[in-house]
Amino acid sequence: MNRPLPPLPGLHIRPRRNRRTDWSRRLVRENALSVDDLILPLFVIDGHGTVEPVPSMPGVMRYSVDELVKVAAQAAALGIPALALFPNTLPALRDADGSEALNPDNLVCQACRAIRAHVPAIGIITDVALDPYTSHGHDGLMAGDQILNDETVDVLVRQAVNQARAGADIIAPSDMMDGRIGAIRAGLDAEGFAHVQIMSYAAKYASAFYGPFRDAVGTNATLIGDKRTYQMDPANSDEALMEVSLDLEQGADMVMVKPGMPYLDIIQRVASTFGRPTFAYQVSGEYAMIMAAAGNGWIDGNKAMMESLMAFKRAGCRGILTYFALRAAEKLQNQRS
C-alpha cells in the first residue's frame, strides 16, 4: 500500500507555477531584450564594391564604403538604432604619429558622410583612438617604449573634432588615456559640436578577448608589446568605478565596459552605482567562441546568442555593441510577427 508523501516544508510556495506556460513566463519576466538595445560594429576598408571576410570572425565582413552603406540601410530597416565604425587603414597610411586619424577624408570620415547622406535615420558612433592609424599598433603616441598621455590627448581631441565634422553622432574614446573625456568635451564644444554625445570606453580591460578584432582592423601584425600600461588590469573592480566616475565628471554622456561577458560583475556595479546609461561591448573573442562552438555543433548558436545578450540586460546594460546585432534583430523581429 502506497502512503502519501508527507508535505514538504513551504510547499504552498511553488515558484514553478509561474514557469509552467510560455505566456506566464513572459508575463513575469524581469528583463527584456529588444532591437533598441543593439549597436552594430562595422569594419570599413579601402576600395569599391569590396566585401572581405574576417577569417577569425565567421560571418563578419570588412566593407568598402559603398557596401557599408547597404549594410547600414539593412540595419536601419531592422530598427537597429546605431552603428559603430572601425577602419582597416592601409599599411602605407600608418605612421608613428597616427596622422591618418586627422585626415578629413580617411575611411571613417568617408563612411560617416556616406551613411549620413543615404541612411540619415541611423546613429553613427566613431572610435577615437590611434591604434588603427599607428605603425606600432598602440592607441597613443610613443617615446621609446612609453605611451605619452597628454600628447596623445591633444591628438585625440583633433581626431574627435574631425569625426564630428564628418557627421559622427557619438564620439567613443577607447584609448584609456587619462583626462581625455574632459579634453574632448571641451574641444567639441569649442568647435560648435555641443550636441555630439560622448560614449566613453570608461572601463576597458587589457584582455585576451580582443584578438579577432585586431585581425579585422589589421593591428595584430603591427602591435609592439602590449597595452597593459593604459588598459585596465583584469584583476581590478574598484578601479573601474573610479574610472567611470572620472569620465562622468568630465562630461561623458554614457559609459561602456569592455569586454562584456567576462566582466558582467563590473557592468552590474557600474550600472547600479551611477544610474547612468551603461553599455557593454560583446567583443570579437566572445563572438568567435560562440560561433566556433556553434559551428562544431557543441551548442545551439541562436540560443547561446540570445542568452548572452540577455545576460547584459540582466546586468544593467542599456545597450550592447555586438557582432550579432543583425542576426539578433531579425530573430527579435520574427518573434514579434
Protein backbone atom coordinates (compact mmCIF):
# COMPACT_ATOMS: atom_id res chain seq x y z
CA MET A 1 0.00 0.00 0.00
CA ASN A 2 1.45 3.34 -1.11
CA ARG A 3 1.36 6.01 1.52
CA PRO A 4 1.14 9.69 0.53
CA LEU A 5 4.37 11.60 0.85
CA PRO A 6 4.47 13.99 3.78
CA PRO A 7 4.08 17.62 2.73
CA LEU A 8 7.37 19.41 2.15
CA PRO A 9 8.02 22.49 4.25
CA GLY A 10 6.92 25.61 2.43
CA LEU A 11 5.13 23.65 -0.28
CA HIS A 12 2.43 26.32 -0.55
CA ILE A 13 5.12 28.47 -2.18
CA ARG A 14 5.79 27.00 -5.63
CA PRO A 15 7.89 29.26 -7.88
CA ARG A 16 7.45 26.70 -10.69
CA ARG A 17 3.81 27.74 -11.06
CA ASN A 18 4.98 30.91 -12.81
CA ARG A 19 7.12 28.86 -15.20
CA ARG A 20 4.53 26.35 -16.39
CA THR A 21 3.47 28.12 -19.58
CA ASP A 22 5.08 30.40 -22.15
CA TRP A 23 2.57 33.18 -21.57
CA SER A 24 3.17 33.08 -17.81
CA ARG A 25 6.93 33.14 -18.22
CA ARG A 26 6.58 36.19 -20.47
CA LEU A 27 4.22 37.87 -18.00
CA VAL A 28 6.63 37.69 -15.05
CA ARG A 29 9.87 38.18 -16.98
CA GLU A 30 12.16 40.67 -15.23
CA ASN A 31 14.21 41.82 -18.23
CA ALA A 32 13.51 42.13 -21.93
CA LEU A 33 15.83 42.35 -24.91
CA SER A 34 14.74 44.43 -27.88
CA VAL A 35 16.25 45.65 -31.11
CA ASP A 36 16.58 49.06 -29.43
CA ASP A 37 19.37 47.56 -27.31
CA LEU A 38 21.61 46.64 -30.24
CA ILE A 39 24.55 48.51 -31.75
CA LEU A 40 26.21 47.02 -34.83
CA PRO A 41 30.03 47.31 -35.13
CA LEU A 42 31.20 47.53 -38.76
CA PHE A 43 34.66 47.36 -40.33
CA VAL A 44 35.43 49.65 -43.26
CA ILE A 45 38.19 49.12 -45.83
CA ASP A 46 39.51 50.89 -48.87
CA GLY A 47 38.15 50.12 -52.33
CA HIS A 48 34.84 49.92 -54.17
CA GLY A 49 32.38 47.05 -54.30
CA THR A 50 34.51 45.16 -51.81
CA VAL A 51 33.21 42.73 -49.18
CA GLU A 52 36.00 40.84 -47.44
CA PRO A 53 35.53 38.17 -44.74
CA VAL A 54 37.33 38.31 -41.40
CA PRO A 55 38.66 34.73 -41.05
CA SER A 56 38.67 34.69 -37.24
CA MET A 57 35.10 36.05 -37.03
CA PRO A 58 32.78 33.80 -39.08
CA GLY A 59 30.03 35.81 -40.73
CA VAL A 60 31.71 39.18 -40.12
CA MET A 61 32.93 41.19 -43.10
CA ARG A 62 35.01 44.23 -43.92
CA TYR A 63 33.20 46.57 -46.31
CA SER A 64 34.22 49.31 -48.69
CA VAL A 65 32.23 52.48 -48.06
CA ASP A 66 29.69 51.84 -50.83
CA GLU A 67 28.97 48.35 -49.50
CA LEU A 68 28.92 49.60 -45.91
CA VAL A 69 26.04 51.92 -46.77
CA LYS A 70 23.98 48.91 -47.88
CA VAL A 71 24.54 47.21 -44.52
CA ALA A 72 23.66 50.44 -42.73
CA ALA A 73 20.38 50.53 -44.64
CA GLN A 74 19.69 46.90 -43.70
CA ALA A 75 20.37 47.69 -40.03
CA ALA A 76 18.07 50.73 -40.14
CA ALA A 77 15.30 48.67 -41.73
CA LEU A 78 15.54 46.21 -38.82
CA GLY A 79 15.27 49.06 -36.31
CA ILE A 80 18.87 48.95 -35.04
CA PRO A 81 19.49 52.41 -33.54
CA ALA A 82 23.19 52.87 -34.24
CA LEU A 83 26.37 51.64 -35.92
CA ALA A 84 29.94 51.72 -34.58
CA LEU A 85 32.62 52.22 -37.24
CA PHE A 86 36.18 50.84 -37.23
CA PRO A 87 38.69 51.30 -40.05
CA ASN A 88 41.24 48.90 -41.52
CA THR A 89 43.74 51.52 -42.64
CA LEU A 90 46.13 50.71 -45.46
CA PRO A 91 49.63 49.94 -44.10
CA ALA A 92 51.14 52.71 -46.24
CA LEU A 93 48.99 55.27 -44.40
CA ARG A 94 50.05 54.19 -40.90
CA ASP A 95 52.86 56.07 -39.21
CA ALA A 96 54.28 56.59 -35.73
CA ASP A 97 52.04 59.63 -35.14
CA GLY A 98 48.79 58.14 -36.44
CA SER A 99 48.43 61.16 -38.71
CA GLU A 100 45.77 59.49 -40.89
CA ALA A 101 43.38 59.86 -37.95
CA LEU A 102 43.32 63.60 -38.69
CA ASN A 103 42.72 63.24 -42.42
CA PRO A 104 39.20 64.60 -43.16
CA ASP A 105 38.95 62.04 -45.98
CA ASN A 106 40.04 58.96 -44.04
CA LEU A 107 37.91 55.82 -44.14
CA VAL A 108 35.84 56.64 -41.07
CA CYS A 109 35.07 60.15 -42.28
CA GLN A 110 34.14 58.87 -45.74
CA ALA A 111 31.83 56.31 -44.15
CA CYS A 112 30.22 58.91 -41.88
CA ARG A 113 29.38 61.18 -44.79
CA ALA A 114 28.06 58.33 -46.93
CA ILE A 115 25.85 56.92 -44.19
CA ARG A 116 24.59 60.36 -43.24
CA ALA A 117 23.65 61.02 -46.87
CA HIS A 118 21.94 57.69 -47.57
CA VAL A 119 20.74 56.39 -44.18
CA PRO A 120 20.10 59.56 -42.17
CA ALA A 121 17.91 57.93 -39.51
CA ILE A 122 20.61 55.71 -38.00
CA GLY A 123 23.11 56.86 -35.37
CA ILE A 124 26.83 56.84 -36.10
CA ILE A 125 29.37 56.05 -33.38
CA THR A 126 33.04 56.58 -34.12
CA ASP A 127 36.04 55.18 -32.30
CA VAL A 128 38.58 57.70 -31.02
CA ALA A 129 41.98 56.05 -30.59
CA LEU A 130 45.14 55.96 -32.66
CA ASP A 131 45.77 52.21 -32.92
CA PRO A 132 44.15 51.77 -36.38
CA TYR A 133 46.44 54.52 -37.68
CA THR A 134 49.81 53.94 -35.98
CA SER A 135 52.64 51.84 -37.33
CA HIS A 136 53.29 50.46 -33.82
CA GLY A 137 49.65 49.47 -33.16
CA HIS A 138 49.24 51.42 -29.92
CA ASP A 139 46.37 53.74 -29.02
CA GLY A 140 48.69 56.68 -28.37
CA LEU A 141 51.90 58.41 -29.31
CA MET A 142 55.14 56.80 -28.15
CA ALA A 143 58.55 57.89 -26.92
CA GLY A 144 60.69 54.79 -26.92
CA ASP A 145 58.53 52.15 -25.29
CA GLN A 146 56.45 54.66 -23.31
CA ILE A 147 52.92 55.78 -24.25
CA LEU A 148 52.66 59.56 -23.97
CA ASN A 149 49.43 60.52 -22.24
CA ASP A 150 48.99 64.28 -22.59
CA GLU A 151 50.49 64.49 -26.08
CA THR A 152 48.13 61.71 -27.16
CA VAL A 153 45.11 63.51 -25.70
CA ASP A 154 45.88 66.57 -27.83
CA VAL A 155 45.71 64.40 -30.96
CA LEU A 156 42.56 62.61 -29.79
CA VAL A 157 40.75 65.94 -29.44
CA ARG A 158 41.60 66.80 -33.04
CA GLN A 159 40.54 63.30 -34.15
CA ALA A 160 37.19 63.68 -32.38
CA VAL A 161 36.52 67.06 -34.00
CA ASN A 162 37.47 65.62 -37.39
CA GLN A 163 34.90 62.85 -36.96
CA ALA A 164 32.21 65.23 -35.71
CA ARG A 165 32.70 67.40 -38.80
CA ALA A 166 32.16 64.29 -40.94
CA GLY A 167 28.81 63.59 -39.27
CA ALA A 168 29.50 61.38 -36.24
CA ASP A 169 26.71 61.49 -33.66
CA ILE A 170 28.58 59.83 -30.80
CA ILE A 171 32.30 60.03 -30.16
CA ALA A 172 33.56 56.90 -28.40
CA PRO A 173 37.09 57.26 -27.00
CA SER A 174 38.58 53.78 -26.50
CA ASP A 175 42.19 54.77 -25.81
CA MET A 176 42.13 54.84 -21.96
CA MET A 177 44.35 57.92 -21.71
CA ASP A 178 43.86 59.95 -18.53
CA GLY A 179 41.85 63.14 -18.92
CA ARG A 180 40.76 62.60 -22.50
CA ILE A 181 36.99 62.87 -21.89
CA GLY A 182 37.18 66.38 -20.47
CA ALA A 183 39.56 67.49 -23.20
CA ILE A 184 37.40 66.02 -25.98
CA ARG A 185 34.24 67.57 -24.49
CA ALA A 186 35.90 70.97 -24.38
CA GLY A 187 37.27 70.55 -27.92
CA LEU A 188 33.90 69.55 -29.37
CA ASP A 189 32.09 72.39 -27.62
CA ALA A 190 34.65 74.94 -28.80
CA GLU A 191 34.11 73.85 -32.41
CA GLY A 192 30.30 74.07 -32.24
CA PHE A 193 29.61 70.37 -31.59
CA ALA A 194 27.97 70.67 -28.17
CA HIS A 195 25.21 68.34 -29.43
CA VAL A 196 27.62 65.48 -30.17
CA GLN A 197 27.50 62.82 -27.45
CA ILE A 198 30.43 61.02 -25.82
CA MET A 199 30.25 57.31 -25.08
CA SER A 200 33.36 56.64 -23.05
CA TYR A 201 35.12 53.30 -23.02
CA ALA A 202 35.43 54.01 -19.31
CA ALA A 203 36.40 50.54 -18.06
CA LYS A 204 38.37 48.90 -20.85
CA TYR A 205 40.43 45.95 -19.71
CA ALA A 206 43.72 44.62 -21.08
CA SER A 207 42.01 41.48 -22.33
CA ALA A 208 42.91 38.37 -24.28
CA PHE A 209 39.49 38.53 -25.95
CA TYR A 210 40.44 41.25 -28.49
CA GLY A 211 42.48 39.09 -30.87
CA PRO A 212 39.97 38.67 -33.73
CA PHE A 213 39.17 42.41 -33.68
CA ARG A 214 42.85 43.21 -34.14
CA ASP A 215 42.84 40.88 -37.14
CA ALA A 216 39.82 42.73 -38.52
CA VAL A 217 41.44 46.18 -38.29
CA GLY A 218 44.94 44.96 -39.14
CA THR A 219 46.70 45.81 -35.87
CA ASN A 220 47.71 42.33 -34.72
CA ALA A 221 50.64 42.37 -37.13
CA THR A 222 51.76 45.86 -36.10
CA LEU A 223 51.31 45.85 -32.31
CA ILE A 224 54.60 46.18 -30.46
CA GLY A 225 54.39 44.84 -26.91
CA ASP A 226 51.04 45.03 -25.13
CA LYS A 227 48.61 47.62 -23.76
CA ARG A 228 48.77 46.90 -20.04
CA THR A 229 50.19 50.31 -19.13
CA TYR A 230 46.95 52.04 -20.13
CA GLN A 231 44.19 49.42 -20.33
CA MET A 232 42.90 48.10 -17.01
CA ASP A 233 44.14 45.08 -15.05
CA PRO A 234 41.51 42.27 -15.26
CA ALA A 235 42.00 41.69 -11.52
CA ASN A 236 40.58 45.11 -10.59
CA SER A 237 36.98 46.03 -9.87
CA ASP A 238 37.03 49.13 -7.63
CA GLU A 239 39.33 50.82 -10.14
CA ALA A 240 36.58 50.54 -12.76
CA LEU A 241 34.27 52.61 -10.56
CA MET A 242 36.94 55.26 -10.22
CA GLU A 243 37.47 55.39 -13.99
CA VAL A 244 33.73 55.65 -14.64
CA SER A 245 33.33 58.36 -12.01
CA LEU A 246 36.12 60.43 -13.55
CA ASP A 247 34.69 60.13 -17.07
CA LEU A 248 31.20 61.12 -15.95
CA GLU A 249 32.60 64.11 -14.07
CA GLN A 250 34.44 65.15 -17.23
CA GLY A 251 31.30 65.10 -19.37
CA ALA A 252 30.71 61.57 -20.68
CA ASP A 253 27.05 61.10 -21.61
CA MET A 254 27.25 57.32 -21.38
CA VAL A 255 29.88 54.77 -20.37
CA MET A 256 30.98 51.38 -21.62
CA VAL A 257 32.55 48.29 -20.09
CA LYS A 258 34.74 46.19 -22.40
CA PRO A 259 34.87 43.19 -22.77
CA GLY A 260 31.36 42.11 -21.91
CA MET A 261 30.55 38.64 -20.55
CA PRO A 262 33.78 38.12 -18.55
CA TYR A 263 33.01 41.47 -16.84
CA LEU A 264 29.29 41.21 -16.03
CA ASP A 265 30.13 41.95 -12.40
CA ILE A 266 31.72 45.24 -13.46
CA ILE A 267 28.71 46.14 -15.60
CA GLN A 268 26.37 45.46 -12.68
CA ARG A 269 28.46 47.57 -10.28
CA VAL A 270 28.73 50.48 -12.70
CA ALA A 271 25.03 50.48 -13.60
CA SER A 272 23.83 50.24 -10.00
CA THR A 273 26.39 52.70 -8.60
CA PHE A 274 25.93 55.53 -11.07
CA GLY A 275 22.50 55.02 -12.60
CA ARG A 276 23.77 56.42 -15.88
CA PRO A 277 23.45 54.84 -19.35
CA THR A 278 25.82 51.86 -19.24
CA PHE A 279 26.80 49.86 -22.31
CA ALA A 280 28.87 46.76 -22.95
CA TYR A 281 30.91 45.60 -25.91
CA GLN A 282 30.47 41.90 -26.64
CA VAL A 283 33.92 41.75 -28.14
CA SER A 284 35.32 39.76 -31.01
CA GLY A 285 36.68 36.92 -28.89
CA GLU A 286 33.30 36.41 -27.24
CA TYR A 287 31.62 36.33 -30.64
CA ALA A 288 34.24 33.98 -32.11
CA MET A 289 33.90 31.50 -29.23
CA ILE A 290 30.13 31.25 -29.61
CA MET A 291 30.42 30.92 -33.39
CA ALA A 292 33.14 28.27 -33.14
CA ALA A 293 31.19 26.18 -30.65
CA ALA A 294 28.02 26.51 -32.73
CA GLY A 295 29.92 25.65 -35.91
CA ASN A 296 31.10 22.43 -34.31
CA GLY A 297 27.61 21.52 -33.15
CA TRP A 298 28.56 21.83 -29.48
CA ILE A 299 25.92 24.47 -28.65
CA ASP A 300 22.80 25.91 -30.24
CA GLY A 301 24.19 29.12 -31.74
CA ASN A 302 20.94 31.09 -31.82
CA LYS A 303 20.02 30.20 -28.26
CA ALA A 304 23.53 30.97 -26.99
CA MET A 305 23.48 34.29 -28.85
CA MET A 306 20.18 35.39 -27.30
CA GLU A 307 21.14 34.12 -23.83
CA SER A 308 24.42 36.01 -23.94
CA LEU A 309 22.67 39.24 -24.95
CA MET A 310 20.08 38.84 -22.21
CA ALA A 311 22.93 38.49 -19.69
CA PHE A 312 23.97 42.07 -20.48
CA LYS A 313 20.44 43.36 -19.94
CA ARG A 314 20.18 41.46 -16.67
CA ALA A 315 23.45 43.03 -15.51
CA GLY A 316 22.08 46.53 -16.16
CA CYS A 317 23.09 47.45 -19.71
CA ARG A 318 21.06 49.96 -21.69
CA GLY A 319 22.64 48.67 -24.89
CA ILE A 320 25.16 46.23 -26.34
CA LEU A 321 27.71 46.55 -29.11
CA THR A 322 27.57 43.12 -30.71
CA TYR A 323 28.52 41.47 -34.00
CA PHE A 324 25.29 39.51 -33.59
CA ALA A 325 23.21 42.69 -34.00
CA LEU A 326 21.76 41.94 -37.45
CA ARG A 327 21.08 38.30 -36.65
CA ALA A 328 19.57 39.08 -33.26
CA ALA A 329 17.42 41.89 -34.70
CA GLU A 330 16.00 39.53 -37.32
CA LYS A 331 15.21 36.96 -34.63
CA LEU A 332 13.54 39.55 -32.41
CA GLN A 333 11.53 40.85 -35.35
CA ASN A 334 10.34 37.32 -36.18
CA GLN A 335 9.30 36.79 -32.55
CA ARG A 336 7.06 39.86 -32.73
CA SER A 337 5.39 38.88 -36.02
